[in-house]
N, C-alpha and C. Protein backbone atom coordinates (compact mmCIF):
# COMPACT_ATOMS: atom_id res chain seq x y z
N MET A 1 0.85 -1.19 0.00
CA MET A 1 0.00 0.00 0.00
C MET A 1 0.89 1.24 0.00
N SER A 2 0.73 2.07 -1.01
CA SER A 2 1.63 3.21 -1.19
C SER A 2 0.92 4.51 -0.83
N ILE A 3 1.58 5.34 -0.02
CA ILE A 3 1.07 6.65 0.36
C ILE A 3 2.17 7.67 0.13
N THR A 4 1.80 8.81 -0.39
CA THR A 4 2.75 9.90 -0.59
C THR A 4 2.64 10.89 0.56
N PHE A 5 3.77 11.27 1.14
CA PHE A 5 3.83 12.25 2.22
C PHE A 5 4.43 13.54 1.69
N SER A 6 3.91 14.67 2.18
CA SER A 6 4.45 15.97 1.79
C SER A 6 4.29 16.95 2.94
N ILE A 7 4.86 18.15 2.78
CA ILE A 7 4.80 19.20 3.80
C ILE A 7 4.18 20.44 3.16
N SER A 8 3.24 21.05 3.85
CA SER A 8 2.53 22.20 3.29
C SER A 8 3.44 23.41 3.18
N ASP A 9 3.12 24.28 2.22
CA ASP A 9 3.87 25.51 2.05
C ASP A 9 3.72 26.41 3.28
N SER A 10 2.54 26.40 3.90
CA SER A 10 2.32 27.26 5.06
C SER A 10 3.21 26.87 6.23
N LEU A 11 3.43 25.56 6.42
CA LEU A 11 4.32 25.14 7.49
C LEU A 11 5.78 25.40 7.12
N LYS A 12 6.12 25.16 5.86
CA LYS A 12 7.49 25.40 5.41
C LYS A 12 7.87 26.87 5.52
N SER A 13 6.88 27.75 5.41
CA SER A 13 7.18 29.18 5.46
C SER A 13 7.63 29.63 6.84
N ILE A 14 7.22 28.90 7.89
CA ILE A 14 7.62 29.28 9.25
C ILE A 14 8.63 28.30 9.85
N LEU A 15 8.71 27.09 9.30
CA LEU A 15 9.71 26.11 9.73
C LEU A 15 10.39 25.56 8.48
N PRO A 16 11.26 26.34 7.86
CA PRO A 16 11.80 25.97 6.54
C PRO A 16 12.63 24.70 6.52
N ASN A 17 13.15 24.28 7.66
CA ASN A 17 13.99 23.07 7.70
C ASN A 17 13.25 21.83 8.19
N CYS A 18 11.94 21.93 8.33
CA CYS A 18 11.20 20.77 8.86
C CYS A 18 11.20 19.62 7.85
N ARG A 19 11.21 18.41 8.40
CA ARG A 19 11.23 17.19 7.60
C ARG A 19 10.37 16.14 8.27
N LEU A 20 10.03 15.13 7.51
CA LEU A 20 9.39 13.94 8.06
C LEU A 20 10.27 12.73 7.76
N GLY A 21 10.54 11.93 8.78
CA GLY A 21 11.15 10.64 8.56
C GLY A 21 10.04 9.61 8.49
N ILE A 22 9.97 8.87 7.41
CA ILE A 22 8.86 7.93 7.18
C ILE A 22 9.39 6.51 7.07
N ILE A 23 8.77 5.60 7.81
CA ILE A 23 9.04 4.17 7.68
C ILE A 23 7.71 3.46 7.49
N THR A 24 7.65 2.58 6.52
CA THR A 24 6.48 1.72 6.35
C THR A 24 6.93 0.26 6.37
N SER A 25 6.07 -0.60 6.86
CA SER A 25 6.40 -2.02 6.88
C SER A 25 5.15 -2.86 7.11
N GLU A 26 5.25 -4.11 6.78
CA GLU A 26 4.26 -5.08 7.21
C GLU A 26 4.67 -5.57 8.59
N VAL A 27 3.70 -5.75 9.47
CA VAL A 27 4.00 -6.14 10.85
C VAL A 27 3.02 -7.21 11.32
N ILE A 28 3.39 -7.88 12.39
CA ILE A 28 2.52 -8.86 13.04
C ILE A 28 2.35 -8.44 14.49
N VAL A 29 1.10 -8.22 14.89
CA VAL A 29 0.81 -7.76 16.24
C VAL A 29 0.67 -8.95 17.18
N LYS A 30 1.31 -8.86 18.32
CA LYS A 30 1.18 -9.88 19.36
C LYS A 30 1.57 -9.25 20.69
N ASN A 31 1.46 -10.02 21.74
CA ASN A 31 1.95 -9.53 23.04
C ASN A 31 3.46 -9.36 22.97
N SER A 32 3.97 -8.40 23.70
CA SER A 32 5.41 -8.16 23.69
C SER A 32 6.16 -9.36 24.23
N SER A 33 7.24 -9.69 23.55
CA SER A 33 8.06 -10.83 23.95
C SER A 33 8.84 -10.50 25.21
N SER A 34 9.37 -11.53 25.84
CA SER A 34 10.22 -11.32 27.03
C SER A 34 11.45 -10.52 26.65
N GLU A 35 11.96 -10.73 25.42
CA GLU A 35 13.14 -9.98 24.97
C GLU A 35 12.82 -8.49 24.87
N LEU A 36 11.65 -8.16 24.34
CA LEU A 36 11.26 -6.75 24.22
C LEU A 36 11.03 -6.13 25.59
N LEU A 37 10.36 -6.84 26.46
CA LEU A 37 10.10 -6.32 27.80
C LEU A 37 11.40 -6.11 28.57
N SER A 38 12.37 -7.03 28.39
CA SER A 38 13.66 -6.88 29.03
C SER A 38 14.40 -5.66 28.49
N LYS A 39 14.34 -5.47 27.17
CA LYS A 39 14.99 -4.30 26.56
C LYS A 39 14.36 -3.02 27.09
N MET A 40 13.03 -3.00 27.19
CA MET A 40 12.34 -1.82 27.71
C MET A 40 12.78 -1.51 29.13
N SER A 41 12.90 -2.55 29.95
CA SER A 41 13.31 -2.36 31.34
C SER A 41 14.71 -1.76 31.42
N LYS A 42 15.63 -2.25 30.59
CA LYS A 42 17.00 -1.73 30.59
C LYS A 42 17.04 -0.27 30.15
N ILE A 43 16.26 0.06 29.12
CA ILE A 43 16.23 1.44 28.62
C ILE A 43 15.58 2.35 29.65
N GLU A 44 14.54 1.87 30.30
CA GLU A 44 13.91 2.66 31.36
C GLU A 44 14.93 3.02 32.43
N ASP A 45 15.68 2.03 32.90
CA ASP A 45 16.68 2.28 33.94
C ASP A 45 17.72 3.28 33.48
N GLN A 46 18.13 3.14 32.22
CA GLN A 46 19.15 4.04 31.67
C GLN A 46 18.65 5.49 31.67
N TYR A 47 17.42 5.69 31.25
CA TYR A 47 16.92 7.07 31.14
C TYR A 47 16.48 7.63 32.49
N ILE A 48 16.12 6.78 33.41
CA ILE A 48 15.85 7.27 34.77
C ILE A 48 17.12 7.89 35.34
N GLN A 49 18.27 7.27 35.08
CA GLN A 49 19.54 7.83 35.53
C GLN A 49 19.85 9.15 34.81
N ILE A 50 19.61 9.18 33.51
CA ILE A 50 19.86 10.41 32.74
C ILE A 50 19.01 11.56 33.28
N LEU A 51 17.76 11.24 33.62
CA LEU A 51 16.83 12.29 34.06
C LEU A 51 17.07 12.74 35.50
N GLU A 52 18.03 12.12 36.17
CA GLU A 52 18.42 12.61 37.49
C GLU A 52 19.22 13.91 37.38
N SER A 53 19.82 14.14 36.21
CA SER A 53 20.68 15.31 36.05
C SER A 53 20.20 16.28 34.98
N THR A 54 19.08 15.96 34.32
CA THR A 54 18.54 16.86 33.31
C THR A 54 17.03 16.72 33.27
N VAL A 55 16.38 17.69 32.68
CA VAL A 55 14.92 17.66 32.53
C VAL A 55 14.60 17.26 31.09
N GLU A 56 13.61 16.42 30.91
CA GLU A 56 13.29 15.89 29.59
C GLU A 56 13.02 16.98 28.56
N SER A 57 12.42 18.08 28.99
CA SER A 57 12.09 19.16 28.05
C SER A 57 13.33 19.86 27.51
N GLU A 58 14.48 19.64 28.14
CA GLU A 58 15.72 20.29 27.71
C GLU A 58 16.55 19.41 26.78
N LEU A 59 16.16 18.16 26.60
CA LEU A 59 16.87 17.30 25.66
C LEU A 59 16.70 17.85 24.25
N GLU A 60 17.73 17.73 23.44
CA GLU A 60 17.84 18.49 22.18
C GLU A 60 16.60 18.39 21.29
N ILE A 61 16.22 17.18 20.90
CA ILE A 61 15.14 17.03 19.93
C ILE A 61 13.79 17.39 20.54
N ILE A 62 13.60 17.08 21.81
CA ILE A 62 12.37 17.48 22.48
C ILE A 62 12.28 19.00 22.55
N ALA A 63 13.39 19.64 22.86
CA ALA A 63 13.41 21.10 22.91
C ALA A 63 13.08 21.70 21.54
N GLU A 64 13.55 21.05 20.47
CA GLU A 64 13.23 21.52 19.13
C GLU A 64 11.75 21.36 18.82
N THR A 65 11.17 20.25 19.23
CA THR A 65 9.74 20.03 19.01
C THR A 65 8.92 21.07 19.76
N ARG A 66 9.31 21.35 21.00
CA ARG A 66 8.62 22.37 21.78
C ARG A 66 8.73 23.75 21.11
N GLN A 67 9.88 24.05 20.55
CA GLN A 67 10.06 25.31 19.85
C GLN A 67 9.17 25.38 18.61
N ALA A 68 9.04 24.25 17.90
CA ALA A 68 8.15 24.21 16.73
C ALA A 68 6.71 24.50 17.13
N TYR A 69 6.28 23.97 18.27
CA TYR A 69 4.94 24.27 18.76
C TYR A 69 4.77 25.78 18.97
N ARG A 70 5.75 26.39 19.59
CA ARG A 70 5.67 27.83 19.85
C ARG A 70 5.58 28.61 18.53
N VAL A 71 6.38 28.21 17.55
CA VAL A 71 6.37 28.88 16.25
C VAL A 71 5.00 28.77 15.60
N CYS A 72 4.36 27.62 15.77
CA CYS A 72 3.03 27.40 15.17
C CYS A 72 1.91 28.06 15.98
N GLY A 73 2.22 28.43 17.24
CA GLY A 73 1.23 29.10 18.07
C GLY A 73 0.61 28.26 19.15
N LYS A 74 1.25 27.13 19.51
CA LYS A 74 0.72 26.22 20.52
C LYS A 74 1.63 26.21 21.75
N LYS A 75 1.04 26.06 22.92
CA LYS A 75 1.82 26.01 24.16
C LYS A 75 2.28 24.58 24.44
N PRO A 76 3.59 24.31 24.36
CA PRO A 76 4.06 22.94 24.58
C PRO A 76 3.91 22.46 26.02
N SER A 77 3.82 23.39 26.97
CA SER A 77 3.67 22.98 28.36
C SER A 77 2.29 22.37 28.62
N ARG A 78 1.31 22.74 27.81
CA ARG A 78 -0.04 22.19 27.95
C ARG A 78 -0.24 20.97 27.07
N TYR A 79 0.42 20.96 25.92
CA TYR A 79 0.29 19.86 24.97
C TYR A 79 1.67 19.25 24.74
N ARG A 80 2.16 18.51 25.71
CA ARG A 80 3.52 17.99 25.63
C ARG A 80 3.69 17.05 24.44
N PRO A 81 4.80 17.15 23.72
CA PRO A 81 5.13 16.12 22.72
C PRO A 81 5.20 14.75 23.38
N SER A 82 4.84 13.72 22.64
CA SER A 82 4.73 12.39 23.24
C SER A 82 6.05 11.87 23.79
N ALA A 83 7.17 12.18 23.13
CA ALA A 83 8.47 11.74 23.64
C ALA A 83 8.74 12.35 25.01
N GLU A 84 8.40 13.62 25.16
CA GLU A 84 8.56 14.29 26.45
C GLU A 84 7.66 13.66 27.51
N ALA A 85 6.42 13.37 27.13
CA ALA A 85 5.47 12.79 28.08
C ALA A 85 5.92 11.41 28.54
N LEU A 86 6.49 10.61 27.62
CA LEU A 86 6.97 9.28 27.99
C LEU A 86 8.14 9.38 28.97
N LEU A 87 9.08 10.28 28.68
CA LEU A 87 10.23 10.43 29.58
C LEU A 87 9.81 11.01 30.92
N ARG A 88 8.82 11.86 30.90
CA ARG A 88 8.31 12.41 32.16
C ARG A 88 7.73 11.30 33.03
N ARG A 89 7.06 10.33 32.40
CA ARG A 89 6.54 9.18 33.15
C ARG A 89 7.69 8.45 33.85
N LEU A 90 8.79 8.29 33.14
CA LEU A 90 9.94 7.60 33.76
C LEU A 90 10.48 8.39 34.93
N ARG A 91 10.61 9.70 34.75
CA ARG A 91 11.14 10.54 35.83
C ARG A 91 10.24 10.50 37.05
N LEU A 92 8.93 10.35 36.85
CA LEU A 92 7.99 10.31 37.95
C LEU A 92 7.79 8.90 38.51
N GLY A 93 8.53 7.93 37.97
CA GLY A 93 8.48 6.57 38.48
C GLY A 93 7.29 5.75 38.02
N LYS A 94 6.64 6.16 36.93
CA LYS A 94 5.45 5.46 36.45
C LYS A 94 5.76 4.37 35.43
N GLY A 95 6.92 4.42 34.81
CA GLY A 95 7.28 3.41 33.83
C GLY A 95 6.55 3.59 32.50
N LEU A 96 6.98 2.82 31.50
CA LEU A 96 6.35 2.88 30.20
C LEU A 96 5.07 2.05 30.19
N TYR A 97 4.15 2.45 29.31
CA TYR A 97 2.94 1.64 29.10
C TYR A 97 3.34 0.30 28.49
N LYS A 98 2.55 -0.72 28.74
CA LYS A 98 2.72 -2.02 28.09
C LYS A 98 1.42 -2.34 27.35
N VAL A 99 1.47 -2.35 26.03
CA VAL A 99 0.24 -2.51 25.23
C VAL A 99 0.33 -3.74 24.33
N ASN A 100 1.19 -3.68 23.35
CA ASN A 100 1.49 -4.82 22.48
C ASN A 100 2.85 -4.56 21.84
N ASN A 101 3.34 -5.52 21.06
CA ASN A 101 4.71 -5.39 20.56
C ASN A 101 4.90 -4.17 19.65
N ILE A 102 3.86 -3.76 18.92
CA ILE A 102 4.01 -2.62 18.02
C ILE A 102 4.09 -1.32 18.83
N VAL A 103 3.09 -1.10 19.67
CA VAL A 103 3.04 0.14 20.47
C VAL A 103 4.25 0.22 21.40
N ASP A 104 4.58 -0.89 22.03
CA ASP A 104 5.72 -0.88 22.97
C ASP A 104 7.03 -0.57 22.24
N THR A 105 7.17 -1.10 21.02
CA THR A 105 8.39 -0.83 20.24
C THR A 105 8.44 0.64 19.83
N ILE A 106 7.32 1.21 19.43
CA ILE A 106 7.29 2.63 19.06
C ILE A 106 7.68 3.49 20.26
N ASN A 107 7.13 3.17 21.43
CA ASN A 107 7.49 3.94 22.63
C ASN A 107 8.97 3.81 22.95
N LEU A 108 9.50 2.62 22.77
CA LEU A 108 10.93 2.40 23.01
C LEU A 108 11.77 3.24 22.05
N MET A 109 11.38 3.25 20.78
CA MET A 109 12.10 4.05 19.79
C MET A 109 11.99 5.53 20.09
N SER A 110 10.86 5.95 20.63
CA SER A 110 10.65 7.36 20.91
C SER A 110 11.55 7.85 22.04
N ILE A 111 11.63 7.08 23.13
CA ILE A 111 12.45 7.57 24.24
C ILE A 111 13.94 7.48 23.94
N THR A 112 14.35 6.52 23.11
CA THR A 112 15.77 6.41 22.79
C THR A 112 16.21 7.45 21.77
N SER A 113 15.29 7.94 20.95
CA SER A 113 15.62 8.95 19.95
C SER A 113 15.21 10.36 20.37
N GLN A 114 14.25 10.43 21.31
CA GLN A 114 13.59 11.67 21.73
C GLN A 114 12.69 12.29 20.66
N TYR A 115 12.52 11.58 19.53
CA TYR A 115 11.55 12.03 18.53
C TYR A 115 10.15 11.59 18.96
N SER A 116 9.18 12.47 18.74
CA SER A 116 7.79 12.05 18.85
C SER A 116 7.45 11.32 17.55
N ILE A 117 6.94 10.09 17.69
CA ILE A 117 6.74 9.22 16.53
C ILE A 117 5.26 8.89 16.40
N GLY A 118 4.70 9.17 15.25
CA GLY A 118 3.34 8.75 14.96
C GLY A 118 3.34 7.32 14.44
N GLY A 119 2.46 6.49 14.97
CA GLY A 119 2.33 5.12 14.50
C GLY A 119 0.93 4.88 13.98
N PHE A 120 0.80 4.58 12.67
CA PHE A 120 -0.51 4.59 12.04
C PHE A 120 -0.81 3.30 11.27
N ASN A 121 -2.08 2.91 11.31
CA ASN A 121 -2.58 1.81 10.50
C ASN A 121 -2.86 2.35 9.11
N ILE A 122 -2.03 1.97 8.14
CA ILE A 122 -2.16 2.52 6.79
C ILE A 122 -3.54 2.25 6.20
N ALA A 123 -4.16 1.13 6.58
CA ALA A 123 -5.48 0.80 6.03
C ALA A 123 -6.52 1.86 6.35
N ASN A 124 -6.29 2.65 7.41
CA ASN A 124 -7.27 3.66 7.81
C ASN A 124 -6.89 5.08 7.42
N ILE A 125 -5.86 5.20 6.59
CA ILE A 125 -5.48 6.50 6.04
C ILE A 125 -6.10 6.64 4.66
N GLU A 126 -6.74 7.77 4.42
CA GLU A 126 -7.42 8.01 3.15
C GLU A 126 -6.56 8.90 2.25
N ASN A 127 -5.97 8.26 1.24
CA ASN A 127 -5.18 8.97 0.24
C ASN A 127 -3.89 9.54 0.83
N ASP A 128 -3.34 10.55 0.20
CA ASP A 128 -2.01 11.02 0.57
C ASP A 128 -2.02 11.87 1.84
N VAL A 129 -0.84 12.06 2.43
CA VAL A 129 -0.71 12.67 3.75
C VAL A 129 0.12 13.95 3.66
N ILE A 130 -0.34 15.00 4.36
CA ILE A 130 0.34 16.28 4.38
C ILE A 130 0.63 16.68 5.83
N LEU A 131 1.84 17.12 6.09
CA LEU A 131 2.17 17.75 7.37
C LEU A 131 1.80 19.22 7.27
N ASP A 132 0.94 19.68 8.19
CA ASP A 132 0.41 21.04 8.10
C ASP A 132 0.18 21.57 9.51
N ILE A 133 -0.32 22.79 9.59
CA ILE A 133 -0.67 23.39 10.88
C ILE A 133 -2.12 23.06 11.18
N GLY A 134 -2.38 22.58 12.40
CA GLY A 134 -3.70 22.12 12.77
C GLY A 134 -4.78 23.18 12.62
N ASP A 135 -6.00 22.72 12.28
CA ASP A 135 -7.14 23.62 12.12
C ASP A 135 -8.00 23.60 13.39
N SER A 136 -9.18 24.15 13.30
CA SER A 136 -10.04 24.30 14.48
C SER A 136 -10.82 23.03 14.82
N ASN A 137 -10.65 21.97 14.03
CA ASN A 137 -11.33 20.72 14.33
C ASN A 137 -10.66 20.00 15.50
N ILE A 138 -11.40 19.07 16.08
CA ILE A 138 -10.92 18.29 17.22
C ILE A 138 -11.03 16.81 16.86
N TYR A 139 -9.98 16.04 17.17
CA TYR A 139 -10.14 14.59 16.97
C TYR A 139 -10.00 13.86 18.29
N GLN A 140 -10.46 12.61 18.29
CA GLN A 140 -10.37 11.76 19.47
C GLN A 140 -8.97 11.17 19.54
N ALA A 141 -8.21 11.62 20.52
CA ALA A 141 -6.83 11.18 20.65
C ALA A 141 -6.74 9.96 21.55
N ILE A 142 -5.78 9.10 21.25
CA ILE A 142 -5.60 7.86 22.01
C ILE A 142 -5.28 8.19 23.47
N GLY A 143 -6.12 7.72 24.38
CA GLY A 143 -5.87 7.89 25.80
C GLY A 143 -6.09 9.29 26.33
N ARG A 144 -6.54 10.22 25.48
CA ARG A 144 -6.73 11.61 25.90
C ARG A 144 -8.15 12.11 25.70
N GLY A 145 -8.89 11.49 24.79
CA GLY A 145 -10.19 12.02 24.43
C GLY A 145 -10.04 13.15 23.42
N PRO A 146 -10.96 14.10 23.41
CA PRO A 146 -10.91 15.19 22.43
C PRO A 146 -9.61 16.00 22.55
N LEU A 147 -8.94 16.19 21.42
CA LEU A 147 -7.68 16.93 21.40
C LEU A 147 -7.83 18.16 20.52
N ASN A 148 -7.54 19.32 21.08
CA ASN A 148 -7.55 20.57 20.35
C ASN A 148 -6.25 20.69 19.56
N ILE A 149 -6.34 20.51 18.24
CA ILE A 149 -5.14 20.48 17.41
C ILE A 149 -4.86 21.81 16.74
N GLU A 150 -5.66 22.83 17.01
CA GLU A 150 -5.46 24.12 16.35
C GLU A 150 -4.07 24.67 16.68
N PHE A 151 -3.37 25.14 15.66
CA PHE A 151 -2.02 25.70 15.77
C PHE A 151 -0.97 24.66 16.19
N MET A 152 -1.30 23.38 16.07
CA MET A 152 -0.35 22.32 16.37
C MET A 152 0.07 21.66 15.06
N PRO A 153 1.37 21.45 14.83
CA PRO A 153 1.77 20.75 13.61
C PRO A 153 1.28 19.31 13.64
N GLY A 154 0.80 18.83 12.50
CA GLY A 154 0.29 17.46 12.47
C GLY A 154 0.06 16.98 11.04
N VAL A 155 -0.26 15.71 10.92
CA VAL A 155 -0.48 15.10 9.60
C VAL A 155 -1.97 14.91 9.35
N LYS A 156 -2.35 15.09 8.07
CA LYS A 156 -3.75 14.97 7.70
C LYS A 156 -3.88 14.25 6.36
N ASP A 157 -5.04 13.62 6.16
CA ASP A 157 -5.39 13.04 4.87
C ASP A 157 -6.67 13.72 4.39
N THR A 158 -7.38 13.12 3.45
CA THR A 158 -8.59 13.76 2.93
C THR A 158 -9.73 13.80 3.94
N LEU A 159 -9.64 13.01 5.00
CA LEU A 159 -10.66 13.01 6.05
C LEU A 159 -10.33 13.98 7.17
N GLY A 160 -9.14 14.56 7.16
CA GLY A 160 -8.75 15.50 8.20
C GLY A 160 -7.50 15.06 8.95
N PHE A 161 -7.17 15.80 9.98
CA PHE A 161 -5.98 15.50 10.77
C PHE A 161 -6.16 14.19 11.56
N PHE A 162 -5.07 13.44 11.67
CA PHE A 162 -5.13 12.18 12.41
C PHE A 162 -3.89 11.94 13.27
N GLY A 163 -2.94 12.85 13.26
CA GLY A 163 -1.75 12.66 14.08
C GLY A 163 -1.03 13.96 14.35
N THR A 164 -0.52 14.12 15.56
CA THR A 164 0.34 15.24 15.95
C THR A 164 1.47 14.67 16.82
N PRO A 165 2.51 15.45 17.06
CA PRO A 165 3.55 14.97 17.98
C PRO A 165 3.04 14.73 19.40
N THR A 166 1.89 15.27 19.75
CA THR A 166 1.33 15.06 21.09
C THR A 166 0.61 13.73 21.21
N SER A 167 -0.24 13.42 20.25
CA SER A 167 -1.01 12.17 20.32
C SER A 167 -1.63 11.86 18.97
N ASP A 168 -1.70 10.57 18.65
CA ASP A 168 -2.37 10.13 17.43
C ASP A 168 -3.87 10.01 17.66
N SER A 169 -4.61 9.96 16.55
CA SER A 169 -6.06 9.82 16.65
C SER A 169 -6.46 8.36 16.76
N GLU A 170 -7.64 8.14 17.30
CA GLU A 170 -8.17 6.78 17.39
C GLU A 170 -8.46 6.21 16.00
N ARG A 171 -8.75 7.07 15.03
CA ARG A 171 -9.12 6.60 13.69
C ARG A 171 -8.02 5.78 13.04
N THR A 172 -6.79 6.17 13.22
CA THR A 172 -5.68 5.51 12.53
C THR A 172 -4.75 4.76 13.49
N MET A 173 -5.23 4.50 14.71
CA MET A 173 -4.37 3.91 15.73
C MET A 173 -4.01 2.46 15.40
N VAL A 174 -2.94 1.99 16.04
CA VAL A 174 -2.51 0.60 15.92
C VAL A 174 -3.48 -0.29 16.70
N THR A 175 -4.08 -1.24 16.00
CA THR A 175 -5.00 -2.20 16.62
C THR A 175 -4.54 -3.61 16.28
N ARG A 176 -5.22 -4.59 16.82
CA ARG A 176 -4.82 -5.99 16.64
C ARG A 176 -4.90 -6.46 15.19
N ASP A 177 -5.70 -5.76 14.38
CA ASP A 177 -5.87 -6.21 12.99
C ASP A 177 -4.93 -5.50 12.01
N ILE A 178 -4.00 -4.69 12.53
CA ILE A 178 -3.11 -3.97 11.62
C ILE A 178 -2.21 -4.92 10.85
N LYS A 179 -2.03 -4.62 9.57
CA LYS A 179 -1.11 -5.38 8.73
C LYS A 179 0.01 -4.50 8.19
N HIS A 180 -0.32 -3.24 7.89
CA HIS A 180 0.65 -2.31 7.31
C HIS A 180 0.78 -1.09 8.22
N LEU A 181 2.00 -0.86 8.67
CA LEU A 181 2.30 0.20 9.63
C LEU A 181 3.05 1.34 8.95
N ALA A 182 2.68 2.57 9.31
CA ALA A 182 3.47 3.74 8.91
C ALA A 182 3.96 4.45 10.16
N LEU A 183 5.23 4.73 10.22
CA LEU A 183 5.82 5.52 11.30
C LEU A 183 6.20 6.89 10.76
N VAL A 184 5.87 7.93 11.51
CA VAL A 184 6.21 9.30 11.13
C VAL A 184 7.07 9.92 12.23
N TYR A 185 8.30 10.26 11.88
CA TYR A 185 9.20 10.99 12.78
C TYR A 185 9.08 12.48 12.45
N TYR A 186 8.70 13.27 13.44
CA TYR A 186 8.56 14.72 13.24
C TYR A 186 9.90 15.39 13.54
N ASP A 187 10.53 15.93 12.51
CA ASP A 187 11.85 16.57 12.65
C ASP A 187 11.72 18.00 12.14
N PHE A 188 11.66 18.96 13.04
CA PHE A 188 11.29 20.32 12.67
C PHE A 188 12.45 21.23 12.32
N PHE A 189 13.69 20.83 12.66
CA PHE A 189 14.82 21.71 12.43
C PHE A 189 15.98 21.01 11.71
N GLY A 190 15.68 19.93 10.99
CA GLY A 190 16.71 19.25 10.22
C GLY A 190 17.82 18.67 11.07
N ASN A 191 17.45 18.01 12.18
CA ASN A 191 18.45 17.49 13.10
C ASN A 191 19.24 16.33 12.47
N ASP A 192 20.54 16.34 12.73
CA ASP A 192 21.43 15.32 12.16
C ASP A 192 21.12 13.91 12.66
N LYS A 193 20.36 13.80 13.74
CA LYS A 193 20.09 12.49 14.33
C LYS A 193 18.97 11.72 13.64
N LEU A 194 18.30 12.35 12.69
CA LEU A 194 17.14 11.68 12.07
C LEU A 194 17.53 10.39 11.37
N MET A 195 18.57 10.41 10.56
CA MET A 195 18.92 9.23 9.76
C MET A 195 19.29 8.04 10.65
N SER A 196 20.08 8.27 11.68
CA SER A 196 20.46 7.17 12.57
C SER A 196 19.24 6.66 13.34
N SER A 197 18.31 7.55 13.65
CA SER A 197 17.09 7.14 14.34
C SER A 197 16.23 6.24 13.45
N LEU A 198 16.17 6.56 12.16
CA LEU A 198 15.42 5.72 11.23
C LEU A 198 16.07 4.35 11.07
N GLU A 199 17.39 4.31 11.04
CA GLU A 199 18.09 3.02 10.94
C GLU A 199 17.83 2.17 12.18
N SER A 200 17.85 2.80 13.35
CA SER A 200 17.55 2.07 14.58
C SER A 200 16.13 1.54 14.57
N ALA A 201 15.21 2.34 14.02
CA ALA A 201 13.81 1.91 13.96
C ALA A 201 13.66 0.65 13.12
N LYS A 202 14.37 0.57 12.02
CA LYS A 202 14.30 -0.63 11.19
C LYS A 202 14.75 -1.86 11.98
N GLU A 203 15.81 -1.71 12.76
CA GLU A 203 16.31 -2.82 13.57
C GLU A 203 15.29 -3.24 14.62
N PHE A 204 14.71 -2.26 15.30
CA PHE A 204 13.71 -2.57 16.34
C PHE A 204 12.50 -3.27 15.73
N LEU A 205 12.03 -2.79 14.58
CA LEU A 205 10.86 -3.40 13.94
C LEU A 205 11.15 -4.85 13.53
N SER A 206 12.34 -5.08 13.02
CA SER A 206 12.72 -6.44 12.62
C SER A 206 12.83 -7.36 13.83
N LEU A 207 13.40 -6.86 14.91
CA LEU A 207 13.63 -7.68 16.10
C LEU A 207 12.34 -8.02 16.84
N TYR A 208 11.44 -7.04 16.97
CA TYR A 208 10.33 -7.20 17.90
C TYR A 208 8.95 -7.23 17.25
N CYS A 209 8.86 -6.90 15.96
CA CYS A 209 7.54 -6.81 15.31
C CYS A 209 7.42 -7.70 14.09
N GLU A 210 8.43 -8.57 13.86
CA GLU A 210 8.44 -9.45 12.69
C GLU A 210 8.17 -8.66 11.42
N ALA A 211 8.77 -7.49 11.33
CA ALA A 211 8.51 -6.60 10.20
C ALA A 211 9.14 -7.12 8.91
N SER A 212 8.46 -6.87 7.82
CA SER A 212 8.96 -7.21 6.49
C SER A 212 8.58 -6.08 5.53
N GLN A 213 9.18 -6.10 4.36
CA GLN A 213 8.92 -5.07 3.35
C GLN A 213 9.12 -3.67 3.94
N ILE A 214 10.22 -3.49 4.68
CA ILE A 214 10.47 -2.21 5.33
C ILE A 214 11.01 -1.19 4.32
N THR A 215 10.41 -0.02 4.31
CA THR A 215 10.90 1.07 3.47
C THR A 215 11.10 2.30 4.35
N SER A 216 12.00 3.18 3.94
CA SER A 216 12.20 4.43 4.69
C SER A 216 12.50 5.55 3.71
N GLU A 217 12.12 6.77 4.09
CA GLU A 217 12.41 7.95 3.28
C GLU A 217 12.39 9.17 4.19
N VAL A 218 13.02 10.23 3.72
CA VAL A 218 12.97 11.52 4.38
C VAL A 218 12.25 12.48 3.45
N VAL A 219 11.19 13.09 3.95
CA VAL A 219 10.38 14.01 3.17
C VAL A 219 10.75 15.44 3.55
N VAL A 220 11.10 16.26 2.58
CA VAL A 220 11.50 17.65 2.84
C VAL A 220 10.57 18.61 2.11
């Protein structure tokens, strides 16, 4: 299933270096393996130590995402990027969520890269996808309920917005029947870490999600 991703001129005019890192693959959903849960535990411990001496909002890529929110007109302190929210859970001793191998792997990739990553069921995306500035509509966000996406950067198809760095929509969420997965890395300032983060994502998907037919691209 092929989808074309692009970035709107309106967003490019205020964030000229913004990019999307895109990975698509076929996946198999199941409960997280003991290997994945062990890896998550080790990474949690590692970042709990890191967060003893720094605040998650000050980490480079998270700080860039927060700045992009401000440029677009959104308050990042009220609508935290998902990578920041995950690391904040660790700092507060709450640990990562445990859902299934796909969601758990995405969360693992997010905290290790500090990128907010959208994870979408391609079957529920209608036509091509554009990164743009959110409109006045509200969508049902996973675990949050109604989300005010106005002035927030996010991705949309012909049915409207379905993902932001804060939270994805229920419409395109990862469910047990997913076959084709799309990952979206939001990179607003052309950070050098994007390419290595995409390579790591391919490894994680292969190891923990039985991924096949993996493709990756950077959209500018």
